[in-house]
Protein backbone atom coordinates (compact mmCIF):
# COMPACT_ATOMS: atom_id res chain seq x y z
CA MET A 1 0.16 -0.18 -0.01
CA ASN A 2 1.52 3.22 -1.32
CA ILE A 3 1.35 6.53 0.98
CA LYS A 4 -1.74 7.73 -0.98
CA GLU A 5 -3.73 4.52 -0.34
CA ASN A 6 -2.74 4.50 3.32
CA PHE A 7 -3.81 8.19 3.95
CA THR A 8 -7.23 7.64 2.03
CA SER A 9 -7.89 4.48 4.12
CA LYS A 10 -7.26 6.12 7.48
CA ILE A 11 -9.21 9.25 6.51
CA ASN A 12 -12.27 6.95 5.44
CA GLU A 13 -11.89 4.64 8.37
CA GLY A 14 -11.40 7.58 11.19
CA TYR A 15 -14.44 9.58 9.67
CA ALA A 16 -16.88 6.98 8.97
CA SER A 17 -20.00 7.04 11.01
CA LYS A 18 -23.13 4.60 11.27
CA GLY A 19 -25.54 7.68 11.55
CA ASP A 20 -26.03 10.75 9.66
CA SER A 21 -23.10 13.06 9.08
CA LEU A 22 -22.26 16.61 7.45
CA ILE A 23 -19.49 16.55 4.57
CA LEU A 24 -16.89 19.63 5.34
CA GLY A 25 -14.74 18.75 2.19
CA GLY A 26 -11.90 16.52 0.91
CA ALA A 27 -8.83 15.81 2.67
CA ILE A 28 -5.52 17.00 1.32
CA LEU A 29 -2.34 14.87 0.76
CA ASP A 30 0.90 16.85 -0.48
CA GLY A 31 -1.12 19.72 -1.63
CA GLU A 32 -3.77 18.03 -3.61
CA PRO A 33 -7.48 17.12 -2.49
CA LEU A 34 -8.32 13.73 -2.72
CA ALA A 35 -12.30 13.08 -3.85
CA ASP A 36 -12.41 9.72 -2.31
CA ALA A 37 -10.97 11.02 0.95
CA GLN A 38 -13.71 13.00 2.30
CA VAL A 39 -14.08 14.70 5.79
CA LYS A 40 -17.26 14.03 7.59
CA ILE A 41 -18.67 15.12 11.13
CA PRO A 42 -21.26 12.97 12.52
CA LEU A 43 -24.40 14.65 13.69
CA LYS A 44 -24.21 12.71 16.88
CA THR A 45 -21.12 14.51 18.25
CA LEU A 46 -22.07 18.03 16.97
CA ASN A 47 -22.99 18.61 20.53
CA ARG A 48 -19.76 18.27 21.88
CA HIS A 49 -18.67 21.87 21.02
CA GLY A 50 -16.18 23.27 18.97
CA LEU A 51 -13.54 25.67 17.69
CA ILE A 52 -13.19 27.38 14.27
CA ALA A 53 -10.09 29.51 14.41
CA GLY A 54 -7.73 31.31 11.96
CA ALA A 55 -6.14 34.47 10.89
CA THR A 56 -8.19 37.34 9.22
CA GLY A 57 -9.18 36.27 5.61
CA THR A 58 -8.31 32.81 5.65
CA GLY A 59 -12.22 31.35 5.30
CA LYS A 60 -13.55 31.23 8.80
CA THR A 61 -16.74 33.13 7.81
CA LYS A 62 -17.25 30.71 4.78
CA THR A 63 -17.04 27.64 6.88
CA ILE A 64 -19.38 28.73 9.24
CA GLN A 65 -21.66 29.55 6.64
CA VAL A 66 -21.08 25.90 5.26
CA LEU A 67 -21.84 24.19 8.68
CA SER A 68 -24.95 26.35 9.20
CA GLU A 69 -26.24 25.56 5.68
CA GLN A 70 -25.67 21.63 6.34
CA LEU A 71 -27.05 21.81 9.78
CA SER A 72 -30.30 23.53 8.64
CA LEU A 73 -30.62 20.95 5.85
CA LYS A 74 -30.47 18.36 8.45
CA GLY A 75 -33.30 20.07 10.30
CA ILE A 76 -31.04 21.47 13.15
CA PRO A 77 -31.84 25.12 13.99
CA VAL A 78 -28.64 27.38 14.48
CA LEU A 79 -27.95 30.61 16.37
CA MET A 80 -25.25 32.83 14.92
CA MET A 81 -23.59 35.59 16.69
CA ASP A 82 -22.61 37.97 13.87
CA ILE A 83 -19.94 40.50 14.84
CA LYS A 84 -18.96 41.81 11.64
CA GLY A 85 -22.23 41.75 9.83
CA ASP A 86 -21.06 39.56 6.84
CA PHE A 87 -23.30 36.38 7.42
CA SER A 88 -26.98 37.76 6.52
CA GLY A 89 -26.30 36.41 2.72
CA ILE A 90 -27.31 32.88 3.77
CA ALA A 91 -30.98 33.99 3.36
CA LYS A 92 -30.38 34.10 -0.63
CA ASN A 93 -29.32 31.75 -3.28
CA GLY A 94 -25.43 31.57 -4.08
CA GLU A 95 -23.85 32.21 -7.38
CA GLU A 96 -22.23 29.19 -9.28
CA LYS A 97 -18.99 29.94 -10.61
CA SER A 98 -16.21 28.42 -12.30
CA PHE A 99 -13.78 28.06 -9.32
CA ILE A 100 -16.66 27.12 -7.26
CA THR A 101 -17.45 24.00 -9.57
CA GLU A 102 -13.75 23.34 -10.01
CA ARG A 103 -13.07 23.01 -6.22
CA HIS A 104 -16.09 20.72 -5.83
CA ALA A 105 -14.94 18.37 -8.58
CA LYS A 106 -11.55 18.15 -6.84
CA ILE A 107 -13.45 17.01 -3.46
CA GLY A 108 -16.00 15.04 -5.27
CA ILE A 109 -19.33 16.84 -4.06
CA PRO A 110 -21.77 18.09 -6.30
CA TYR A 111 -22.31 21.92 -6.08
CA ASN A 112 -25.78 23.33 -5.74
CA THR A 113 -26.94 26.80 -4.96
CA ASP A 114 -29.72 27.05 -2.25
CA HIS A 115 -30.94 29.84 0.32
CA PHE A 116 -32.10 29.21 4.13
CA PRO A 117 -34.66 30.37 6.44
CA VAL A 118 -33.44 33.44 8.63
CA GLU A 119 -34.33 35.42 11.48
CA LEU A 120 -32.66 38.57 11.90
CA MET A 121 -32.21 39.52 15.87
CA SER A 122 -30.92 42.52 17.57
CA LEU A 123 -29.62 43.52 21.11
CA SER A 124 -30.00 47.37 20.27
CA ALA A 125 -32.16 49.45 18.04
CA GLN A 126 -31.05 47.75 15.05
CA ALA A 127 -33.92 46.57 13.01
CA GLY A 128 -35.04 42.73 13.49
CA VAL A 129 -36.10 40.81 16.52
CA ARG A 130 -35.63 42.45 19.88
CA LEU A 131 -33.77 40.08 22.35
CA ARG A 132 -34.80 41.01 25.96
CA ALA A 133 -34.62 39.57 29.44
CA THR A 134 -35.71 40.85 32.82
CA VAL A 135 -33.43 41.48 35.97
CA SER A 136 -35.57 39.16 38.07
CA GLU A 137 -35.17 36.32 35.32
CA PHE A 138 -31.10 36.71 36.03
CA GLY A 139 -31.62 36.32 39.94
CA PRO A 140 -28.95 37.63 42.56
CA VAL A 141 -25.99 35.01 41.55
CA LEU A 142 -25.90 35.72 37.83
CA PHE A 143 -26.71 39.50 38.16
CA SER A 144 -23.89 39.89 40.64
CA ARG A 145 -21.59 37.84 38.63
CA ILE A 146 -22.04 39.83 35.63
CA LEU A 147 -21.30 43.13 37.60
CA ASP A 148 -18.08 41.25 38.93
CA LEU A 149 -19.30 41.99 42.59
CA ASN A 150 -17.45 40.76 45.68
CA ASP A 151 -19.12 38.73 48.30
CA THR A 152 -20.15 41.40 50.56
CA GLN A 153 -21.78 43.50 47.44
CA SER A 154 -23.30 40.26 46.06
CA GLY A 155 -25.01 39.67 49.67
CA VAL A 156 -26.59 43.18 49.27
CA VAL A 157 -27.88 42.25 45.64
CA SER A 158 -29.52 39.00 47.36
CA VAL A 159 -31.14 41.24 49.95
CA ILE A 160 -32.39 43.47 47.19
CA PHE A 161 -33.97 40.63 45.58
CA LYS A 162 -35.10 38.98 48.59
CA TYR A 163 -36.84 42.56 49.91
CA CYS A 164 -38.61 42.71 46.18
CA ASP A 165 -39.82 39.36 46.46
CA ASP A 166 -41.23 39.94 49.91
CA ASN A 167 -42.91 43.12 48.89
CA LYS A 168 -44.49 41.64 45.43
CA MET A 169 -42.18 44.04 43.29
CA ALA A 170 -41.12 43.13 40.02
CA LEU A 171 -37.39 43.74 38.98
CA LEU A 172 -37.82 44.15 35.29
CA ASP A 173 -35.46 46.78 34.08
CA LEU A 174 -32.22 48.62 35.39
CA LYS A 175 -34.21 51.42 36.46
CA ASP A 176 -36.24 49.27 38.89
CA ILE A 177 -32.92 48.12 40.59
CA LYS A 178 -31.62 51.60 40.54
CA LYS A 179 -34.75 52.63 42.37
CA VAL A 180 -34.75 49.90 45.08
CA ILE A 181 -30.83 50.67 45.79
CA ASN A 182 -31.76 54.31 46.14
CA TYR A 183 -34.74 53.77 48.24
CA ILE A 184 -33.01 51.21 50.70
CA THR A 185 -30.20 53.97 51.29
CA GLU A 186 -32.54 56.88 51.98
CA GLU A 187 -36.28 56.78 52.60
CA GLY A 188 -36.50 52.64 53.15
CA LYS A 189 -33.14 52.45 55.28
CA VAL A 190 -34.71 52.21 58.71
CA ASP A 191 -37.32 49.52 57.39
CA ILE A 192 -34.28 47.51 55.47
CA GLU A 193 -32.27 47.79 58.62
CA GLU A 194 -35.14 46.39 60.62
CA HIS A 195 -36.16 43.39 58.44
CA TYR A 196 -32.82 42.50 56.77
CA GLY A 197 -29.94 44.00 58.77
CA LYS A 198 -27.67 47.05 58.16
CA ILE A 199 -26.38 48.01 54.73
CA SER A 200 -23.39 50.13 53.92
CA THR A 201 -24.00 53.06 51.83
CA SER A 202 -20.71 52.50 50.33
CA THR A 203 -21.50 49.24 49.19
CA THR A 204 -24.88 50.31 47.55
CA GLY A 205 -22.76 53.07 45.92
CA THR A 206 -20.39 50.54 44.26
CA ILE A 207 -23.21 48.48 42.90
CA LEU A 208 -25.20 51.62 41.68
CA ARG A 209 -21.78 52.55 39.65
CA LYS A 210 -21.70 48.92 38.16
CA ILE A 211 -25.23 49.22 37.05
CA ILE A 212 -24.74 52.22 35.37
CA GLU A 213 -21.60 51.21 33.73
CA LEU A 214 -23.60 48.27 32.31
CA GLU A 215 -26.33 50.63 31.51
CA GLN A 216 -23.73 52.88 29.61
CA GLN A 217 -23.03 49.98 27.34
CA GLY A 218 -26.59 49.37 26.33
CA GLY A 219 -27.84 47.28 29.10
CA ASP A 220 -30.97 49.44 29.52
CA MET A 221 -32.16 48.48 25.99
CA PHE A 222 -31.58 44.85 26.91
CA PHE A 223 -33.16 44.42 30.35
CA GLY A 224 -37.07 44.63 30.08
CA GLU A 225 -39.81 43.08 28.63
CA MET A 226 -41.03 41.26 26.54
CA SER A 227 -38.54 38.46 27.36
CA PHE A 228 -37.37 36.39 24.59
CA ASP A 229 -38.58 32.45 24.82
CA ILE A 230 -35.71 30.38 23.66
CA ASN A 231 -38.19 27.96 22.30
CA ASP A 232 -38.46 30.47 19.31
CA LEU A 233 -34.99 29.45 18.35
CA MET A 234 -36.29 25.95 17.63
CA ARG A 235 -38.21 26.59 14.59
CA PHE A 236 -38.39 25.20 11.04
CA ASP A 237 -39.50 26.11 7.80
CA GLU A 238 -42.42 24.59 5.48
CA ASN A 239 -39.59 22.40 4.01
CA GLY A 240 -38.14 21.08 7.42
CA LYS A 241 -34.89 23.15 7.12
CA GLY A 242 -33.88 24.57 10.68
CA TYR A 243 -34.24 28.42 11.01
CA ILE A 244 -31.06 30.03 11.05
CA ASN A 245 -31.23 32.83 13.70
CA ILE A 246 -28.68 35.61 13.23
CA ILE A 247 -28.26 38.10 15.96
CA ARG A 248 -26.58 41.36 14.47
CA LEU A 249 -23.88 42.79 16.66
CA THR A 250 -22.32 45.19 14.38
CA ASP A 251 -22.91 48.21 16.84
CA ILE A 252 -21.80 46.31 20.13
CA GLN A 253 -18.26 45.67 19.06
CA ASP A 254 -17.32 48.12 21.95
CA LYS A 255 -19.86 46.99 24.22
CA PRO A 256 -18.17 43.62 25.49
CA LYS A 257 -19.94 43.73 29.09
CA LEU A 258 -23.44 43.68 27.11
CA PHE A 259 -22.15 40.91 24.94
CA SER A 260 -20.95 38.84 27.66
CA THR A 261 -24.11 39.63 29.66
CA PHE A 262 -26.42 38.53 26.91
CA MET A 263 -24.42 35.31 26.15
CA LEU A 264 -24.42 34.26 29.91
CA SER A 265 -28.33 35.08 29.94
CA LEU A 266 -28.81 33.11 26.89
CA LEU A 267 -26.86 29.93 27.78
CA SER A 268 -28.05 29.89 31.25
CA GLU A 269 -31.72 30.07 30.28
CA ILE A 270 -31.32 27.50 27.50
CA TYR A 271 -29.81 25.00 30.03
CA GLN A 272 -32.26 25.82 32.75
CA GLN A 273 -35.33 25.34 30.35
CA MET A 274 -34.17 22.33 27.77
CA PRO A 275 -34.67 18.71 28.92
CA GLU A 276 -32.16 16.11 29.22
CA LYS A 277 -31.59 14.68 25.89
CA GLY A 278 -28.63 12.10 26.58
CA ASP A 279 -26.87 10.60 23.63
CA ALA A 280 -29.13 11.71 20.83
CA ASP A 281 -28.80 11.25 17.02
CA GLN A 282 -28.40 14.96 16.54
CA PRO A 283 -28.27 18.22 18.36
CA GLU A 284 -31.43 20.30 19.22
CA LEU A 285 -29.47 23.46 18.60
CA VAL A 286 -26.11 24.75 17.43
CA ILE A 287 -24.72 28.04 18.59
CA PHE A 288 -21.68 29.78 16.94
CA ILE A 289 -19.92 32.57 18.87
CA ASP A 290 -17.94 34.70 16.55
CA GLU A 291 -15.31 36.87 17.88
CA ALA A 292 -15.06 34.72 21.35
CA HIS A 293 -12.34 36.75 22.44
CA LEU A 294 -14.93 39.54 23.12
CA ILE A 295 -16.43 37.42 25.78
CA PHE A 296 -13.21 35.96 27.30
CA ASN A 297 -11.06 39.01 27.22
CA GLU A 298 -13.37 41.20 29.10
CA ALA A 299 -14.89 38.59 31.47
CA SER A 300 -13.82 38.44 35.30
CA LYS A 301 -12.55 35.15 36.96
CA VAL A 302 -16.06 34.33 38.18
CA LEU A 303 -17.83 35.03 34.92
CA LEU A 304 -15.45 32.81 33.15
CA GLU A 305 -15.97 29.98 35.67
CA GLN A 306 -19.97 30.44 35.08
CA ILE A 307 -19.26 30.10 31.30
CA GLU A 308 -17.00 27.14 31.67
CA THR A 309 -19.53 25.46 33.96
CA ILE A 310 -22.42 25.84 31.49
CA VAL A 311 -20.37 24.55 28.39
CA LYS A 312 -19.45 21.49 30.24
CA LEU A 313 -22.97 20.96 31.34
CA ILE A 314 -25.17 22.08 28.12
CA ARG A 315 -23.95 19.39 26.21
CA SER A 316 -26.54 17.03 27.97
CA LYS A 317 -29.41 19.30 26.74
CA GLY A 318 -28.12 18.55 23.16
CA ILE A 319 -26.94 22.11 22.56
CA GLY A 320 -23.53 22.57 20.90
CA ILE A 321 -21.64 25.67 21.06
CA TYR A 322 -18.72 26.82 18.75
CA PHE A 323 -16.13 29.40 19.39
CA ILE A 324 -14.98 31.46 16.46
CA THR A 325 -11.72 33.38 16.89
CA GLN A 326 -8.52 34.14 15.33
CA ASN A 327 -6.16 32.50 17.74
CA PRO A 328 -7.06 29.25 19.62
CA MET A 329 -5.23 30.52 22.78
CA ASP A 330 -7.95 33.28 22.91
CA VAL A 331 -9.97 30.43 24.67
CA PRO A 332 -9.36 29.44 28.04
CA SER A 333 -7.82 26.09 28.78
CA GLY A 334 -10.85 24.90 30.58
CA VAL A 335 -13.19 25.87 27.91
CA LEU A 336 -10.89 24.68 25.18
CA ALA A 337 -10.45 21.19 26.76
CA GLN A 338 -14.27 20.57 26.30
CA LEU A 339 -14.09 21.31 22.50
CA GLY A 340 -14.61 18.06 20.43
CA LEU A 341 -14.50 19.60 16.78
CA LYS A 342 -11.35 21.72 15.91
CA ILE A 343 -11.36 23.38 12.63
CA GLN A 344 -7.97 25.47 12.24
CA HIS A 345 -7.41 27.56 9.26
CA ALA A 346 -3.93 29.18 8.56
CA LEU A 347 -2.23 31.20 10.78
CA ARG A 348 0.51 33.80 10.09
CA ALA A 349 3.94 33.70 11.37
CA PHE A 350 5.19 37.58 10.93
CA THR A 351 6.47 37.82 14.52
CA ALA A 352 8.20 35.85 17.26
CA ASN A 353 4.93 35.84 19.07
CA ASP A 354 3.06 34.70 16.11
CA ARG A 355 5.60 31.57 15.90
CA LYS A 356 5.24 30.97 19.23
CA ALA A 357 1.40 30.90 19.03
CA ILE A 358 1.61 28.45 16.26
CA LYS A 359 3.57 25.99 18.08
CA GLN A 360 1.12 26.39 20.96
CA THR A 361 -1.59 25.70 18.37
CA ALA A 362 -0.05 22.59 16.91
CA ASP A 363 0.53 21.07 20.71
CA ASN A 364 -3.38 21.11 20.73
CA TYR A 365 -3.79 18.83 17.49
CA PRO A 366 -3.01 15.08 17.32
CA SER A 367 0.18 14.17 15.68
CA SER A 368 -0.05 12.93 12.21
CA GLU A 369 2.33 10.82 10.11
CA PHE A 370 1.41 12.75 6.97
CA TYR A 371 1.83 16.27 8.15
CA LYS A 372 4.07 18.60 10.20
CA THR A 373 1.37 20.26 12.00
CA ASP A 374 3.40 23.61 12.70
CA GLU A 375 4.28 23.75 9.20
CA ILE A 376 1.37 23.19 7.62
CA LEU A 377 -0.31 25.69 9.71
CA THR A 378 1.26 28.45 7.70
CA SER A 379 0.77 27.10 4.29
CA LEU A 380 -2.77 26.37 4.40
CA GLY A 381 -4.49 28.48 1.24
CA ILE A 382 -7.69 30.22 1.59
CA GLY A 383 -10.74 27.68 2.34
CA GLU A 384 -8.66 25.25 3.53
CA ALA A 385 -8.08 23.99 7.46
CA LEU A 386 -6.95 21.54 9.72
CA VAL A 387 -9.80 19.38 10.82
CA THR A 388 -10.00 16.65 13.87
CA ALA A 389 -13.40 15.72 15.55
CA LEU A 390 -14.49 13.06 17.74
CA ASN A 391 -16.54 9.90 16.22
CA GLU A 392 -19.60 8.57 17.26
CA LYS A 393 -17.48 6.54 20.19
CA GLY A 394 -15.96 9.98 21.35
CA ILE A 395 -12.60 9.19 19.81
CA PRO A 396 -10.43 11.84 18.15
CA THR A 397 -10.41 11.50 14.42
CA PRO A 398 -7.03 11.40 12.41
CA LEU A 399 -5.80 15.25 11.58
CA ALA A 400 -7.00 16.01 8.20
CA ALA A 401 -5.85 19.11 6.17
CA THR A 402 -8.94 19.71 4.32
CA MET A 403 -10.35 21.80 1.42
CA MET A 404 -13.51 22.92 2.45
CA ARG A 405 -16.62 22.92 0.42
CA ALA A 406 -18.06 26.48 -0.88
CA PRO A 407 -21.36 27.82 0.50
CA MET A 408 -24.50 27.34 -1.36
CA SER A 409 -25.86 30.43 -0.45
CA ARG A 410 -24.67 34.19 -1.21
CA MET A 411 -21.19 34.84 0.04
CA ASP A 412 -22.18 38.58 0.67
CA VAL A 413 -24.33 40.69 2.92
CA LEU A 414 -28.16 41.61 2.63
CA THR A 415 -29.06 45.09 1.03
CA GLU A 416 -31.16 47.32 3.43
CA SER A 417 -34.37 46.45 1.32
CA GLU A 418 -33.42 42.82 1.56
CA ILE A 419 -33.27 42.97 5.24
CA GLN A 420 -36.66 45.02 5.48
CA GLU A 421 -38.34 42.09 3.33
CA ILE A 422 -37.13 39.46 5.81
CA ASN A 423 -38.16 41.75 8.84
CA SER A 424 -41.41 42.15 7.38
CA LYS A 425 -42.63 38.82 6.70
CA SER A 426 -40.93 37.68 10.25
CA LYS A 427 -43.59 36.65 13.00
CA LEU A 428 -41.05 36.93 15.60
CA VAL A 429 -40.15 40.79 14.85
CA LYS A 430 -43.94 41.59 15.32
CA LYS A 431 -44.05 39.34 18.38
CA TYR A 432 -41.27 41.09 20.19
CA SER A 433 -41.48 44.60 18.74
CA GLU A 434 -43.82 45.93 21.80
CA VAL A 435 -42.03 47.54 24.63
CA ILE A 436 -44.01 46.46 27.63
CA ASP A 437 -43.42 48.67 31.02
CA ARG A 438 -45.80 47.24 33.22
CA GLU A 439 -46.07 48.48 37.33
CA SER A 440 -42.49 47.29 38.59
CA ALA A 441 -40.40 48.30 41.50
CA TYR A 442 -39.65 51.56 40.01
CA GLU A 443 -43.29 52.83 39.89
CA MET A 444 -44.24 51.00 43.19
CA LEU A 445 -41.59 52.64 45.03
CA ASN A 446 -42.43 56.05 43.49
CA LYS A 447 -45.90 55.57 44.84
CA LYS A 448 -44.47 54.68 48.47
CA ILE A 449 -41.97 57.56 48.37
CA GLU A 450 -44.71 59.90 47.44
CA SER A 451 -47.02 58.43 50.09
CA ILE A 452 -44.22 58.96 52.85
CA GLU A 453 -43.76 62.44 51.77
CA GLU A 454 -47.47 63.14 51.99
CA GLU A 455 -47.22 61.87 55.55
CA LYS A 456 -44.55 63.87 56.58
CA ALA A 457 -46.13 66.91 55.11
CA GLU A 458 -49.19 66.05 57.13
CA ILE A 459 -47.07 65.63 60.31
CA GLU A 460 -45.22 69.14 59.70
CA GLU A 461 -48.73 70.62 58.96
CA GLN A 462 -50.13 69.38 62.44
CA LYS A 463 -46.91 70.42 64.37
CA GLN A 464 -47.23 73.92 62.77
CA GLU A 465 -50.93 74.09 63.73
CA THR A 466 -50.10 72.97 67.17
CA SER A 467 -47.09 75.52 67.30
CA GLU A 468 -49.51 78.43 66.36
CA SER A 469 -52.29 77.24 68.55
CA LYS A 470 -49.79 77.17 71.30
CA LYS A 471 -48.59 80.52 70.56
CA THR A 472 -52.17 81.85 70.61
CA THR A 473 -53.07 80.29 73.84
CA GLU A 474 -49.76 81.72 75.32
CA THR A 475 -50.57 85.11 74.10
CA THR A 476 -54.27 84.82 75.65
CA SER A 477 -52.80 83.73 78.79
CA ALA A 478 -50.36 86.41 79.11
CA VAL A 479 -52.89 89.11 78.43
CA THR A 480 -55.23 87.69 81.04
CA LYS A 481 -52.54 87.42 83.48
CA SER A 482 -51.61 91.05 82.94
CA VAL A 483 -54.98 92.24 83.39
CA ILE A 484 -55.67 90.16 86.47
CA LYS A 485 -52.11 91.49 87.73
CA VAL A 486 -53.35 95.15 87.33
CA LEU A 487 -56.81 94.70 88.54
CA THR A 488 -55.47 93.23 91.75
CA SER A 489 -52.53 95.68 92.16
CA ALA A 490 -52.68 98.08 95.21
CA THR A 491 -52.53 101.18 92.96
CA PHE A 492 -55.53 100.03 91.07
CA ILE A 493 -57.44 99.23 94.19
CA ARG A 494 -56.52 102.68 96.11
CA GLY A 495 -57.24 104.58 92.75
CA ALA A 496 -60.73 102.62 92.50
CA PHE A 497 -61.72 103.22 96.15
CA GLY A 498 -60.83 106.90 95.56
CA VAL A 499 -63.31 107.43 92.53
CA LEU A 500 -65.78 105.66 94.40
CA SER A 501 -65.44 107.75 97.62
CA LYS A 502 -65.84 110.94 95.21
CA MET A 503 -68.98 109.37 93.88
CA PHE A 504 -70.79 108.76 97.23
CA ARG A 505 -69.70 112.45 98.57
CA LYS A 506 -71.68 113.89 95.74
């Protein structure tokens, strides 16, 4: 058996599966793709999470597009975090070109154009399905972790949530919790101390500043009603294709706090609501997180631990999470260890740090008798990647340099009119467009404060009336006393007797 036959045999054996699978492309040996050595990923293992990495312009976005298309065709919904805004073209048919046809002939995969059902979503004022959540849904623990609070400050947040629960006050948006903090440090301070213990004003001041920081990054638009129902992510069109839900995040690149807040909220909500699936034949939902370093670079240690925990546990719910970043080192080692599928596009060795990163990256991949991993990482062309996955038994597949198949849909963004067309037909846009501001802690405390002020005014008025009445009584008493004093004085009596004597003489 020659090298080519040996290579083909090992690839086909390593990537074989009894159940259904996705075809990523054809394996490459000595710079040439092989049509009879296709790289396939079993649907059964797609809930084992993954990493898609590579330098700018090496084909990461197209790989995500291919994966999303294949998943949709298998009836698996997708959630895509579109930071750069170049993913929306998946809603429209692609265009067959000669270089695409040639590529597919080399890897033995027929090429067809197609389009896919899309929902455009937004965390901000951008057009699309509005994504919101209430403060109450986060709960004190998660809300404290998002704000990166210490134990003392987290304890105060727990007291705030308990106080609101006890008094039937809903915490819906940030103005609600800000109002509660102001109330417990001013008008309601005595009441809080009596029932929940003393709370330091410096602690509440710190919490308030952290909330304002979150608010300035767009948190005021995210927190509120109506809350997004995660079941709306699990939808299919009339042809059985899974919906591709694209969250347009082009305007929050400089707001990592909001991004990480949303991600943690979403993953927590999915984990809490989704039932256990065990070893299902395919995942219920696959999530792609583009520019993943935005989450990890700005996240606190506690927040990272929370994300790592959820990544570990959410697999049993049938959810696959795929992180997209330029360098695998952007992903914490604890999360990286949980990733079954790794698709590594080319890395560039311009500096000493780049070469160091390449060596570290190579160490994360299985060794291969056919490749020198650190060398091939720098020689991969656009649309080529090193691939390793898990087979149906959970064993890593052989490392395969792969020529990736091309997307079937448009490899470009939608126009504004095309975006409007999608949104106008969307049932979810209509469902979540209404902003609900029902009575919550803010309104209830305003009424309470107003009532307190009215009571204070009444007491002050009564005091004033009592004071004026007292003054009047005191004046009358003084006059009476003066008159009596005059009437009873010896001079007055002598004078009076003198007058009377003169009257009697007459």
